[in-house]
Amino acid sequence: MSTPLFVRPEAAADLQDAFEWYEKRASGLGAQLVGELDRALASISASPFAFSRAHREIRRVFLRKFPYGVFYHVDGDRVVVLAILHTARDPRVARQRGAGGSDASGQ
């Protein structure tokens, strides 16, 4: 059984920025990034506790073909994606996003 995912707006913005950057380099490369992310999110949803902790309750999974990590935490019966960050970025960004707790909207 899969665990529902909620992607915070900041994480969606991370993805949008990365998608645009890759599409400017080569048409279709952004779509490949999204495909890799979809695979990672499916793995997270299937086994949210299978991936290592990056900090306290925040976990991280790396994409296979792109230098990005997906930072998330389990919040009750769902997974909240906090950030999708290039590996060169400071992972404290995800910690800062996670410090505010889960999204109150319940989406």
PDB file of N, CA and C in Angstrom:
ATOM      1  N   MET A   1       0.845  -1.178   0.000  1.00  0.00           N
ATOM      2  CA  MET A   1       0.000   0.000   0.000  1.00  0.00           C
ATOM      3  C   MET A   1       0.886   1.236   0.000  1.00  0.00           C
ATOM      4  N   SER A   2       0.506   2.226  -0.759  1.00  0.00           N
ATOM      5  CA  SER A   2       1.322   3.433  -0.844  1.00  0.00           C
ATOM      6  C   SER A   2       0.821   4.511   0.118  1.00  0.00           C
ATOM      7  N   THR A   3       1.753   5.317   0.552  1.00  0.00           N
ATOM      8  CA  THR A   3       1.471   6.422   1.461  1.00  0.00           C
ATOM      9  C   THR A   3       1.220   7.670   0.625  1.00  0.00           C
ATOM     10  N   PRO A   4       0.146   8.426   0.911  1.00  0.00           N
ATOM     11  CA  PRO A   4      -0.115   9.646   0.140  1.00  0.00           C
ATOM     12  C   PRO A   4       1.024  10.656   0.293  1.00  0.00           C
ATOM     13  N   LEU A   5       1.271  11.389  -0.774  1.00  0.00           N
ATOM     14  CA  LEU A   5       2.309  12.415  -0.790  1.00  0.00           C
ATOM     15  C   LEU A   5       1.690  13.800  -0.853  1.00  0.00           C
ATOM     16  N   PHE A   6       2.279  14.722  -0.117  1.00  0.00           N
ATOM     17  CA  PHE A   6       1.929  16.137  -0.230  1.00  0.00           C
ATOM     18  C   PHE A   6       3.221  16.877  -0.537  1.00  0.00           C
ATOM     19  N   VAL A   7       3.265  17.576  -1.662  1.00  0.00           N
ATOM     20  CA  VAL A   7       4.443  18.338  -2.060  1.00  0.00           C
ATOM     21  C   VAL A   7       4.205  19.788  -1.673  1.00  0.00           C
ATOM     22  N   ARG A   8       5.019  20.269  -0.753  1.00  0.00           N
ATOM     23  CA  ARG A   8       4.872  21.659  -0.319  1.00  0.00           C
ATOM     24  C   ARG A   8       5.155  22.600  -1.484  1.00  0.00           C
ATOM     25  N   PRO A   9       4.548  23.782  -1.493  1.00  0.00           N
ATOM     26  CA  PRO A   9       4.747  24.726  -2.598  1.00  0.00           C
ATOM     27  C   PRO A   9       6.212  25.067  -2.850  1.00  0.00           C
ATOM     28  N   GLU A  10       7.006  25.139  -1.798  1.00  0.00           N
ATOM     29  CA  GLU A  10       8.428  25.449  -1.961  1.00  0.00           C
ATOM     30  C   GLU A  10       9.137  24.343  -2.745  1.00  0.00           C
ATOM     31  N   ALA A  11       8.769  23.103  -2.476  1.00  0.00           N
ATOM     32  CA  ALA A  11       9.364  21.973  -3.197  1.00  0.00           C
ATOM     33  C   ALA A  11       8.916  21.980  -4.657  1.00  0.00           C
ATOM     34  N   ALA A  12       7.656  22.315  -4.893  1.00  0.00           N
ATOM     35  CA  ALA A  12       7.164  22.421  -6.272  1.00  0.00           C
ATOM     36  C   ALA A  12       7.920  23.516  -7.018  1.00  0.00           C
ATOM     37  N   ALA A  13       8.229  24.615  -6.338  1.00  0.00           N
ATOM     38  CA  ALA A  13       9.003  25.703  -6.949  1.00  0.00           C
ATOM     39  C   ALA A  13      10.431  25.246  -7.237  1.00  0.00           C
ATOM     40  N   ASP A  14      11.009  24.437  -6.330  1.00  0.00           N
ATOM     41  CA  ASP A  14      12.340  23.874  -6.579  1.00  0.00           C
ATOM     42  C   ASP A  14      12.326  23.081  -7.880  1.00  0.00           C
ATOM     43  N   LEU A  15      11.320  22.244  -8.038  1.00  0.00           N
ATOM     44  CA  LEU A  15      11.213  21.413  -9.236  1.00  0.00           C
ATOM     45  C   LEU A  15      11.031  22.272 -10.478  1.00  0.00           C
ATOM     46  N   GLN A  16      10.189  23.267 -10.401  1.00  0.00           N
ATOM     47  CA  GLN A  16       9.953  24.143 -11.551  1.00  0.00           C
ATOM     48  C   GLN A  16      11.247  24.822 -11.998  1.00  0.00           C
ATOM     49  N   ASP A  17      12.020  25.314 -11.027  1.00  0.00           N
ATOM     50  CA  ASP A  17      13.299  25.962 -11.349  1.00  0.00           C
ATOM     51  C   ASP A  17      14.246  24.983 -12.033  1.00  0.00           C
ATOM     52  N   ALA A  18      14.350  23.763 -11.483  1.00  0.00           N
ATOM     53  CA  ALA A  18      15.239  22.754 -12.058  1.00  0.00           C
ATOM     54  C   ALA A  18      14.777  22.353 -13.455  1.00  0.00           C
ATOM     55  N   PHE A  19      13.470  22.165 -13.610  1.00  0.00           N
ATOM     56  CA  PHE A  19      12.908  21.795 -14.909  1.00  0.00           C
ATOM     57  C   PHE A  19      13.277  22.849 -15.959  1.00  0.00           C
ATOM     58  N   GLU A  20      13.058  24.105 -15.633  1.00  0.00           N
ATOM     59  CA  GLU A  20      13.354  25.187 -16.581  1.00  0.00           C
ATOM     60  C   GLU A  20      14.842  25.249 -16.914  1.00  0.00           C
ATOM     61  N   TRP A  21      15.692  25.065 -15.904  1.00  0.00           N
ATOM     62  CA  TRP A  21      17.134  25.102 -16.129  1.00  0.00           C
ATOM     63  C   TRP A  21      17.538  24.006 -17.103  1.00  0.00           C
ATOM     64  N   TYR A  22      17.053  22.779 -16.907  1.00  0.00           N
ATOM     65  CA  TYR A  22      17.413  21.669 -17.780  1.00  0.00           C
ATOM     66  C   TYR A  22      16.810  21.824 -19.175  1.00  0.00           C
ATOM     67  N   GLU A  23      15.610  22.333 -19.261  1.00  0.00           N
ATOM     68  CA  GLU A  23      14.989  22.519 -20.577  1.00  0.00           C
ATOM     69  C   GLU A  23      15.743  23.560 -21.402  1.00  0.00           C
ATOM     70  N   LYS A  24      16.333  24.553 -20.735  1.00  0.00           N
ATOM     71  CA  LYS A  24      17.135  25.549 -21.462  1.00  0.00           C
ATOM     72  C   LYS A  24      18.395  24.920 -22.032  1.00  0.00           C
ATOM     73  N   ARG A  25      18.899  23.869 -21.389  1.00  0.00           N
ATOM     74  CA  ARG A  25      20.106  23.198 -21.852  1.00  0.00           C
ATOM     75  C   ARG A  25      19.806  22.284 -23.029  1.00  0.00           C
ATOM     76  N   ALA A  26      18.710  21.546 -22.938  1.00  0.00           N
ATOM     77  CA  ALA A  26      18.347  20.627 -24.023  1.00  0.00           C
ATOM     78  C   ALA A  26      16.870  20.281 -23.896  1.00  0.00           C
ATOM     79  N   SER A  27      16.176  20.421 -24.999  1.00  0.00           N
ATOM     80  CA  SER A  27      14.751  20.109 -24.995  1.00  0.00           C
ATOM     81  C   SER A  27      14.534  18.651 -24.595  1.00  0.00           C
ATOM     82  N   GLY A  28      13.633  18.432 -23.635  1.00  0.00           N
ATOM     83  CA  GLY A  28      13.332  17.091 -23.175  1.00  0.00           C
ATOM     84  C   GLY A  28      14.097  16.684 -21.929  1.00  0.00           C
ATOM     85  N   LEU A  29      15.161  17.407 -21.608  1.00  0.00           N
ATOM     86  CA  LEU A  29      15.953  17.063 -20.432  1.00  0.00           C
ATOM     87  C   LEU A  29      15.178  17.335 -19.138  1.00  0.00           C
ATOM     88  N   GLY A  30      14.383  18.390 -19.143  1.00  0.00           N
ATOM     89  CA  GLY A  30      13.534  18.679 -17.978  1.00  0.00           C
ATOM     90  C   GLY A  30      12.521  17.571 -17.752  1.00  0.00           C
ATOM     91  N   ALA A  31      11.971  17.040 -18.836  1.00  0.00           N
ATOM     92  CA  ALA A  31      11.021  15.935 -18.716  1.00  0.00           C
ATOM     93  C   ALA A  31      11.704  14.690 -18.156  1.00  0.00           C
ATOM     94  N   GLN A  32      12.972  14.465 -18.514  1.00  0.00           N
ATOM     95  CA  GLN A  32      13.718  13.337 -17.948  1.00  0.00           C
ATOM     96  C   GLN A  32      13.899  13.519 -16.439  1.00  0.00           C
ATOM     97  N   LEU A  33      14.176  14.748 -16.029  1.00  0.00           N
ATOM     98  CA  LEU A  33      14.292  15.051 -14.602  1.00  0.00           C
ATOM     99  C   LEU A  33      12.985  14.710 -13.889  1.00  0.00           C
ATOM    100  N   VAL A  34      11.870  15.131 -14.451  1.00  0.00           N
ATOM    101  CA  VAL A  34      10.562  14.866 -13.849  1.00  0.00           C
ATOM    102  C   VAL A  34      10.310  13.358 -13.775  1.00  0.00           C
ATOM    103  N   GLY A  35      10.706  12.621 -14.801  1.00  0.00           N
ATOM    104  CA  GLY A  35      10.561  11.170 -14.786  1.00  0.00           C
ATOM    105  C   GLY A  35      11.356  10.536 -13.653  1.00  0.00           C
ATOM    106  N   GLU A  36      12.579  10.991 -13.454  1.00  0.00           N
ATOM    107  CA  GLU A  36      13.403  10.490 -12.347  1.00  0.00           C
ATOM    108  C   GLU A  36      12.779  10.841 -10.998  1.00  0.00           C
ATOM    109  N   LEU A  37      12.250  12.039 -10.910  1.00  0.00           N
ATOM    110  CA  LEU A  37      11.593  12.453  -9.672  1.00  0.00           C
ATOM    111  C   LEU A  37      10.359  11.600  -9.411  1.00  0.00           C
ATOM    112  N   ASP A  38       9.587  11.325 -10.443  1.00  0.00           N
ATOM    113  CA  ASP A  38       8.403  10.473 -10.286  1.00  0.00           C
ATOM    114  C   ASP A  38       8.779   9.101  -9.739  1.00  0.00           C
ATOM    115  N   ARG A  39       9.878   8.532 -10.245  1.00  0.00           N
ATOM    116  CA  ARG A  39      10.340   7.232  -9.753  1.00  0.00           C
ATOM    117  C   ARG A  39      10.735   7.325  -8.273  1.00  0.00           C
ATOM    118  N   ALA A  40      11.438   8.401  -7.913  1.00  0.00           N
ATOM    119  CA  ALA A  40      11.852   8.574  -6.521  1.00  0.00           C
ATOM    120  C   ALA A  40      10.637   8.745  -5.613  1.00  0.00           C
ATOM    121  N   LEU A  41       9.660   9.527  -6.051  1.00  0.00           N
ATOM    122  CA  LEU A  41       8.459   9.740  -5.239  1.00  0.00           C
ATOM    123  C   LEU A  41       7.661   8.448  -5.079  1.00  0.00           C
ATOM    124  N   ALA A  42       7.630   7.626  -6.116  1.00  0.00           N
ATOM    125  CA  ALA A  42       6.941   6.335  -6.014  1.00  0.00           C
ATOM    126  C   ALA A  42       7.634   5.444  -4.991  1.00  0.00           C
ATOM    127  N   SER A  43       8.950   5.463  -4.975  1.00  0.00           N
ATOM    128  CA  SER A  43       9.704   4.680  -3.992  1.00  0.00           C
ATOM    129  C   SER A  43       9.449   5.186  -2.579  1.00  0.00           C
ATOM    130  N   ILE A  44       9.418   6.499  -2.422  1.00  0.00           N
ATOM    131  CA  ILE A  44       9.146   7.095  -1.110  1.00  0.00           C
ATOM    132  C   ILE A  44       7.751   6.694  -0.655  1.00  0.00           C
ATOM    133  N   SER A  45       6.782   6.817  -1.539  1.00  0.00           N
ATOM    134  CA  SER A  45       5.400   6.494  -1.201  1.00  0.00           C
ATOM    135  C   SER A  45       5.247   5.028  -0.809  1.00  0.00           C
ATOM    136  N   ALA A  46       5.972   4.148  -1.499  1.00  0.00           N
ATOM    137  CA  ALA A  46       5.879   2.713  -1.229  1.00  0.00           C
ATOM    138  C   ALA A  46       6.549   2.328   0.088  1.00  0.00           C
ATOM    139  N   SER A  47       7.662   3.000   0.415  1.00  0.00           N
ATOM    140  CA  SER A  47       8.432   2.657   1.617  1.00  0.00           C
ATOM    141  C   SER A  47       9.043   3.910   2.230  1.00  0.00           C
ATOM    142  N   PRO A  48       8.236   4.735   2.873  1.00  0.00           N
ATOM    143  CA  PRO A  48       8.741   6.031   3.347  1.00  0.00           C
ATOM    144  C   PRO A  48       9.851   5.943   4.392  1.00  0.00           C
ATOM    145  N   PHE A  49       9.939   4.851   5.119  1.00  0.00           N
ATOM    146  CA  PHE A  49      10.970   4.734   6.151  1.00  0.00           C
ATOM    147  C   PHE A  49      12.226   4.025   5.656  1.00  0.00           C
ATOM    148  N   ALA A  50      12.263   3.684   4.385  1.00  0.00           N
ATOM    149  CA  ALA A  50      13.395   2.931   3.833  1.00  0.00           C
ATOM    150  C   ALA A  50      14.626   3.801   3.590  1.00  0.00           C
ATOM    151  N   PHE A  51      14.458   5.090   3.532  1.00  0.00           N
ATOM    152  CA  PHE A  51      15.567   5.968   3.172  1.00  0.00           C
ATOM    153  C   PHE A  51      16.175   6.607   4.411  1.00  0.00           C
ATOM    154  N   SER A  52      17.446   6.941   4.296  1.00  0.00           N
ATOM    155  CA  SER A  52      18.190   7.428   5.453  1.00  0.00           C
ATOM    156  C   SER A  52      17.746   8.819   5.885  1.00  0.00           C
ATOM    157  N   ARG A  53      17.950   9.062   7.152  1.00  0.00           N
ATOM    158  CA  ARG A  53      17.643  10.375   7.718  1.00  0.00           C
ATOM    159  C   ARG A  53      18.762  11.341   7.375  1.00  0.00           C
ATOM    160  N   ALA A  54      18.367  12.542   6.982  1.00  0.00           N
ATOM    161  CA  ALA A  54      19.323  13.609   6.725  1.00  0.00           C
ATOM    162  C   ALA A  54      19.498  14.462   7.981  1.00  0.00           C
ATOM    163  N   HIS A  55      18.421  14.610   8.726  1.00  0.00           N
ATOM    164  CA  HIS A  55      18.442  15.384   9.963  1.00  0.00           C
ATOM    165  C   HIS A  55      17.163  15.098  10.738  1.00  0.00           C
ATOM    166  N   ARG A  56      17.321  14.635  11.949  1.00  0.00           N
ATOM    167  CA  ARG A  56      16.194  14.276  12.812  1.00  0.00           C
ATOM    168  C   ARG A  56      15.164  13.459  12.058  1.00  0.00           C
ATOM    169  N   GLU A  57      13.972  13.986  11.834  1.00  0.00           N
ATOM    170  CA  GLU A  57      12.907  13.226  11.153  1.00  0.00           C
ATOM    171  C   GLU A  57      12.868  13.464   9.643  1.00  0.00           C
ATOM    172  N   ILE A  58      13.764  14.285   9.145  1.00  0.00           N
ATOM    173  CA  ILE A  58      13.797  14.570   7.701  1.00  0.00           C
ATOM    174  C   ILE A  58      14.641  13.510   7.005  1.00  0.00           C
ATOM    175  N   ARG A  59      14.060  12.896   6.005  1.00  0.00           N
ATOM    176  CA  ARG A  59      14.738  11.857   5.227  1.00  0.00           C
ATOM    177  C   ARG A  59      15.058  12.387   3.833  1.00  0.00           C
ATOM    178  N   ARG A  60      15.964  11.675   3.172  1.00  0.00           N
ATOM    179  CA  ARG A  60      16.402  12.132   1.850  1.00  0.00           C
ATOM    180  C   ARG A  60      16.625  10.941   0.946  1.00  0.00           C
ATOM    181  N   VAL A  61      16.232  11.112  -0.306  1.00  0.00           N
ATOM    182  CA  VAL A  61      16.539  10.130  -1.346  1.00  0.00           C
ATOM    183  C   VAL A  61      17.128  10.903  -2.524  1.00  0.00           C
ATOM    184  N   PHE A  62      18.167  10.332  -3.119  1.00  0.00           N
ATOM    185  CA  PHE A  62      18.808  10.979  -4.257  1.00  0.00           C
ATOM    186  C   PHE A  62      18.241  10.439  -5.557  1.00  0.00           C
ATOM    187  N   LEU A  63      18.129  11.328  -6.555  1.00  0.00           N
ATOM    188  CA  LEU A  63      17.738  10.892  -7.891  1.00  0.00           C
ATOM    189  C   LEU A  63      18.919  10.154  -8.514  1.00  0.00           C
ATOM    190  N   ARG A  64      18.636   9.221  -9.395  1.00  0.00           N
ATOM    191  CA  ARG A  64      19.696   8.410  -9.987  1.00  0.00           C
ATOM    192  C   ARG A  64      20.515   9.162 -11.035  1.00  0.00           C
ATOM    193  N   LYS A  65      19.847   9.826 -11.945  1.00  0.00           N
ATOM    194  CA  LYS A  65      20.549  10.403 -13.095  1.00  0.00           C
ATOM    195  C   LYS A  65      20.758  11.910 -13.003  1.00  0.00           C
ATOM    196  N   PHE A  66      20.292  12.518 -11.956  1.00  0.00           N
ATOM    197  CA  PHE A  66      20.432  13.966 -11.790  1.00  0.00           C
ATOM    198  C   PHE A  66      20.936  14.236 -10.373  1.00  0.00           C
ATOM    199  N   PRO A  67      21.720  15.293 -10.208  1.00  0.00           N
ATOM    200  CA  PRO A  67      22.296  15.573  -8.881  1.00  0.00           C
ATOM    201  C   PRO A  67      21.317  16.304  -7.952  1.00  0.00           C
ATOM    202  N   TYR A  68      20.226  15.629  -7.625  1.00  0.00           N
ATOM    203  CA  TYR A  68      19.188  16.217  -6.770  1.00  0.00           C
ATOM    204  C   TYR A  68      18.803  15.254  -5.669  1.00  0.00           C
ATOM    205  N   GLY A  69      18.431  15.831  -4.536  1.00  0.00           N
ATOM    206  CA  GLY A  69      17.903  15.054  -3.436  1.00  0.00           C
ATOM    207  C   GLY A  69      16.488  15.510  -3.118  1.00  0.00           C
ATOM    208  N   VAL A  70      15.646  14.568  -2.729  1.00  0.00           N
ATOM    209  CA  VAL A  70      14.278  14.855  -2.307  1.00  0.00           C
ATOM    210  C   VAL A  70      14.250  14.724  -0.788  1.00  0.00           C
ATOM    211  N   PHE A  71      13.918  15.806  -0.113  1.00  0.00           N
ATOM    212  CA  PHE A  71      13.868  15.839   1.344  1.00  0.00           C
ATOM    213  C   PHE A  71      12.409  15.791   1.779  1.00  0.00           C
ATOM    214  N   TYR A  72      12.111  14.917   2.741  1.00  0.00           N
ATOM    215  CA  TYR A  72      10.730  14.728   3.155  1.00  0.00           C
ATOM    216  C   TYR A  72      10.679  14.259   4.593  1.00  0.00           C
ATOM    217  N   HIS A  73       9.483  14.313   5.154  1.00  0.00           N
ATOM    218  CA  HIS A  73       9.257  13.683   6.451  1.00  0.00           C
ATOM    219  C   HIS A  73       7.875  13.051   6.448  1.00  0.00           C
ATOM    220  N   VAL A  74       7.720  12.065   7.318  1.00  0.00           N
ATOM    221  CA  VAL A  74       6.437  11.389   7.448  1.00  0.00           C
ATOM    222  C   VAL A  74       5.639  12.134   8.499  1.00  0.00           C
ATOM    223  N   ASP A  75       4.427  12.535   8.118  1.00  0.00           N
ATOM    224  CA  ASP A  75       3.552  13.300   9.000  1.00  0.00           C
ATOM    225  C   ASP A  75       2.241  12.520   9.132  1.00  0.00           C
ATOM    226  N   GLY A  76       2.162  11.721  10.184  1.00  0.00           N
ATOM    227  CA  GLY A  76       0.961  10.909  10.379  1.00  0.00           C
ATOM    228  C   GLY A  76       0.839   9.867   9.287  1.00  0.00           C
ATOM    229  N   ASP A  77      -0.217   9.975   8.504  1.00  0.00           N
ATOM    230  CA  ASP A  77      -0.472   8.986   7.453  1.00  0.00           C
ATOM    231  C   ASP A  77      -0.102   9.479   6.058  1.00  0.00           C
ATOM    232  N   ARG A  78       0.769  10.487   5.985  1.00  0.00           N
ATOM    233  CA  ARG A  78       1.196  10.992   4.683  1.00  0.00           C
ATOM    234  C   ARG A  78       2.674  11.379   4.724  1.00  0.00           C
ATOM    235  N   VAL A  79       3.234  11.553   3.547  1.00  0.00           N
ATOM    236  CA  VAL A  79       4.602  12.014   3.387  1.00  0.00           C
ATOM    237  C   VAL A  79       4.546  13.454   2.899  1.00  0.00           C
ATOM    238  N   VAL A  80       5.312  14.325   3.544  1.00  0.00           N
ATOM    239  CA  VAL A  80       5.376  15.722   3.139  1.00  0.00           C
ATOM    240  C   VAL A  80       6.741  15.972   2.507  1.00  0.00           C
ATOM    241  N   VAL A  81       6.746  16.339   1.229  1.00  0.00           N
ATOM    242  CA  VAL A  81       7.983  16.657   0.520  1.00  0.00           C
ATOM    243  C   VAL A  81       8.307  18.118   0.811  1.00  0.00           C
ATOM    244  N   LEU A  82       9.463  18.325   1.445  1.00  0.00           N
ATOM    245  CA  LEU A  82       9.865  19.659   1.879  1.00  0.00           C
ATOM    246  C   LEU A  82      10.677  20.408   0.826  1.00  0.00           C
ATOM    247  N   ALA A  83      11.560  19.679   0.140  1.00  0.00           N
ATOM    248  CA  ALA A  83      12.477  20.337  -0.796  1.00  0.00           C
ATOM    249  C   ALA A  83      12.972  19.338  -1.830  1.00  0.00           C
ATOM    250  N   ILE A  84      13.287  19.866  -2.997  1.00  0.00           N
ATOM    251  CA  ILE A  84      13.935  19.111  -4.058  1.00  0.00           C
ATOM    252  C   ILE A  84      15.157  19.950  -4.418  1.00  0.00           C
ATOM    253  N   LEU A  85      16.314  19.548  -3.884  1.00  0.00           N
ATOM    254  CA  LEU A  85      17.490  20.404  -3.953  1.00  0.00           C
ATOM    255  C   LEU A  85      18.636  19.775  -4.725  1.00  0.00           C
ATOM    256  N   HIS A  86      19.336  20.615  -5.472  1.00  0.00           N
ATOM    257  CA  HIS A  86      20.576  20.205  -6.113  1.00  0.00           C
ATOM    258  C   HIS A  86      21.555  19.833  -5.007  1.00  0.00           C
ATOM    259  N   THR A  87      22.373  18.827  -5.252  1.00  0.00           N
ATOM    260  CA  THR A  87      23.283  18.362  -4.205  1.00  0.00           C
ATOM    261  C   THR A  87      24.332  19.397  -3.815  1.00  0.00           C
ATOM    262  N   ALA A  88      24.531  20.407  -4.637  1.00  0.00           N
ATOM    263  CA  ALA A  88      25.473  21.471  -4.281  1.00  0.00           C
ATOM    264  C   ALA A  88      24.859  22.500  -3.326  1.00  0.00           C
ATOM    265  N   ARG A  89      23.552  22.475  -3.185  1.00  0.00           N
ATOM    266  CA  ARG A  89      22.892  23.421  -2.277  1.00  0.00           C
ATOM    267  C   ARG A  89      22.999  22.965  -0.840  1.00  0.00           C
ATOM    268  N   ASP A  90      22.896  23.903   0.053  1.00  0.00           N
ATOM    269  CA  ASP A  90      22.984  23.633   1.477  1.00  0.00           C
ATOM    270  C   ASP A  90      21.730  22.879   1.926  1.00  0.00           C
ATOM    271  N   PRO A  91      21.883  21.676   2.491  1.00  0.00           N
ATOM    272  CA  PRO A  91      20.706  20.902   2.910  1.00  0.00           C
ATOM    273  C   PRO A  91      19.961  21.534   4.085  1.00  0.00           C
ATOM    274  N   ARG A  92      20.551  22.548   4.710  1.00  0.00           N
ATOM    275  CA  ARG A  92      19.842  23.238   5.797  1.00  0.00           C
ATOM    276  C   ARG A  92      18.566  23.902   5.297  1.00  0.00           C
ATOM    277  N   VAL A  93      18.481  24.137   3.996  1.00  0.00           N
ATOM    278  CA  VAL A  93      17.249  24.689   3.416  1.00  0.00           C
ATOM    279  C   VAL A  93      16.079  23.763   3.754  1.00  0.00           C
ATOM    280  N   ALA A  94      16.280  22.477   3.583  1.00  0.00           N
ATOM    281  CA  ALA A  94      15.216  21.501   3.889  1.00  0.00           C
ATOM    282  C   ALA A  94      14.912  21.509   5.379  1.00  0.00           C
ATOM    283  N   ARG A  95      15.947  21.596   6.211  1.00  0.00           N
ATOM    284  CA  ARG A  95      15.726  21.620   7.667  1.00  0.00           C
ATOM    285  C   ARG A  95      14.906  22.840   8.066  1.00  0.00           C
ATOM    286  N   GLN A  96      15.222  23.983   7.461  1.00  0.00           N
ATOM    287  CA  GLN A  96      14.480  25.208   7.779  1.00  0.00           C
ATOM    288  C   GLN A  96      13.025  25.086   7.362  1.00  0.00           C
ATOM    289  N   ARG A  97      12.786  24.462   6.229  1.00  0.00           N
ATOM    290  CA  ARG A  97      11.398  24.256   5.778  1.00  0.00           C
ATOM    291  C   ARG A  97      10.664  23.272   6.676  1.00  0.00           C
ATOM    292  N   GLY A  98      11.386  22.286   7.178  1.00  0.00           N
ATOM    293  CA  GLY A  98      10.783  21.287   8.041  1.00  0.00           C
ATOM    294  C   GLY A  98      10.570  21.777   9.457  1.00  0.00           C
ATOM    295  N   ALA A  99      11.274  22.830   9.849  1.00  0.00           N
ATOM    296  CA  ALA A  99      11.176  23.342  11.228  1.00  0.00           C
ATOM    297  C   ALA A  99       9.797  23.891  11.538  1.00  0.00           C
ATOM    298  N   GLY A 100       9.080  24.331  10.516  1.00  0.00           N
ATOM    299  CA  GLY A 100       7.755  24.886  10.724  1.00  0.00           C
ATOM    300  C   GLY A 100       6.694  23.823  10.912  1.00  0.00           C
ATOM    301  N   GLY A 101       7.095  22.555  10.887  1.00  0.00           N
ATOM    302  CA  GLY A 101       6.110  21.481  11.031  1.00  0.00           C
ATOM    303  C   GLY A 101       5.443  21.190   9.709  1.00  0.00           C
ATOM    304  N   SER A 102       4.369  20.462   9.766  1.00  0.00           N
ATOM    305  CA  SER A 102       3.652  20.095   8.544  1.00  0.00           C
ATOM    306  C   SER A 102       2.757  21.231   8.095  1.00  0.00           C
ATOM    307  N   ASP A 103       2.317  21.102   6.885  1.00  0.00           N
ATOM    308  CA  ASP A 103       1.395  22.073   6.321  1.00  0.00           C
ATOM    309  C   ASP A 103       0.038  21.937   6.999  1.00  0.00           C
ATOM    310  N   ALA A 104      -0.507  23.031   7.449  1.00  0.00           N
ATOM    311  CA  ALA A 104      -1.772  22.996   8.208  1.00  0.00           C
ATOM    312  C   ALA A 104      -2.981  22.796   7.321  1.00  0.00           C
ATOM    313  N   SER A 105      -2.808  22.893   6.008  1.00  0.00           N
ATOM    314  CA  SER A 105      -3.958  22.804   5.128  1.00  0.00           C
ATOM    315  C   SER A 105      -4.532  21.396   5.047  1.00  0.00           C
ATOM    316  N   GLY A 106      -3.688  20.404   5.363  1.00  0.00           N
ATOM    317  CA  GLY A 106      -4.178  19.028   5.303  1.00  0.00           C
ATOM    318  C   GLY A 106      -4.264  18.487   3.892  1.00  0.00           C
ATOM    319  N   GLN A 107      -3.689  19.192   2.920  1.00  0.00           N
ATOM    320  CA  GLN A 107      -3.734  18.735   1.530  1.00  0.00           C
ATOM    321  C   GLN A 107      -2.683  17.702   1.272  1.00  0.00           C
TER     322      GLN A 107
END
